[in-house]
Protein backbone atom coordinates (compact mmCIF):
# COMPACT_ATOMS: atom_id res chain seq x y z
CA MET A 1 30.17 -16.77 8.56
CA VAL A 2 31.61 -18.26 11.92
CA ILE A 3 28.53 -18.98 14.05
CA SER A 4 27.68 -21.69 16.20
CA ARG A 5 25.80 -24.94 15.38
CA LYS A 6 23.28 -24.10 17.74
CA THR A 7 22.59 -20.94 16.63
CA PHE A 8 22.48 -22.10 12.72
CA TRP A 9 20.09 -25.11 14.27
CA ASN A 10 17.91 -22.11 16.65
CA ASP A 11 17.75 -19.99 12.88
CA LEU A 12 16.98 -23.12 10.73
CA GLN A 13 14.56 -23.95 13.13
CA LYS A 14 12.98 -20.86 13.03
CA ALA A 15 12.80 -20.78 9.21
CA ARG A 16 11.22 -24.17 9.10
CA GLN A 17 8.36 -22.41 11.31
CA LYS A 18 7.51 -19.52 9.40
CA VAL A 19 7.81 -21.13 5.97
CA ALA A 20 5.25 -24.29 7.00
CA ASP A 21 2.86 -21.20 9.02
CA ALA A 22 3.33 -19.60 5.45
CA LEU A 23 2.15 -22.45 3.37
CA VAL A 24 -0.74 -24.29 5.76
CA ASN A 25 -2.41 -20.45 6.66
CA GLY A 26 -1.77 -19.24 3.18
CA LYS A 27 0.57 -16.16 4.05
CA VAL A 28 3.28 -14.78 1.87
CA ILE A 29 6.61 -15.41 1.85
CA GLU A 30 9.16 -12.72 1.53
CA ILE A 31 12.97 -13.33 1.01
CA SER A 32 15.35 -10.09 1.21
CA GLY A 33 18.74 -9.10 2.17
CA GLY A 34 22.22 -10.29 0.92
CA GLU A 35 23.81 -9.30 -2.29
CA TYR A 36 21.48 -9.63 -5.61
CA VAL A 37 21.06 -8.40 -9.25
CA ASN A 38 18.24 -7.39 -10.99
CA SER A 39 18.24 -9.18 -14.09
CA GLY A 40 14.71 -9.18 -15.43
CA GLU A 41 15.18 -12.35 -17.10
CA CYS A 42 12.89 -14.43 -14.97
CA LYS A 43 8.90 -14.64 -14.31
CA ILE A 44 6.76 -16.10 -11.78
CA GLY A 45 2.96 -17.27 -12.07
CA PHE A 46 0.47 -17.41 -9.97
CA LEU A 47 -2.70 -18.91 -10.12
CA TYR A 48 -5.71 -18.11 -7.43
CA LYS A 49 -7.91 -20.83 -7.71
CA GLU A 50 -11.34 -19.74 -6.21
CA CYS A 51 -11.55 -17.73 -9.66
CA ASP A 52 -9.03 -19.42 -12.18
CA HIS A 53 -7.29 -16.03 -12.56
CA VAL A 54 -3.49 -15.92 -13.65
CA TRP A 55 -1.02 -13.38 -13.56
CA GLU A 56 2.86 -12.89 -14.23
CA SER A 57 5.37 -11.45 -11.89
CA LYS A 58 8.87 -10.57 -13.34
CA CYS A 59 11.13 -12.19 -10.68
CA ASN A 60 13.94 -9.93 -11.39
CA LEU A 61 16.19 -10.29 -7.60
CA TYR A 62 18.64 -13.28 -8.31
CA LEU A 63 21.60 -13.86 -5.62
CA LEU A 64 24.76 -13.65 -6.22
């Protein structure tokens, strides 16, 4: 991947802003694109703090 340092820096700054916004405002972070394999071996646990409800979801996307 050949890109300029300025382009890389700008993309990195945008990503940092999006992650910070999601963390501060409770938004969802979705990472997509790229090559991946469905393995189904991983699980992610979630906790809803207001009612202590816990649920799991399969994490079946792995980047190559």
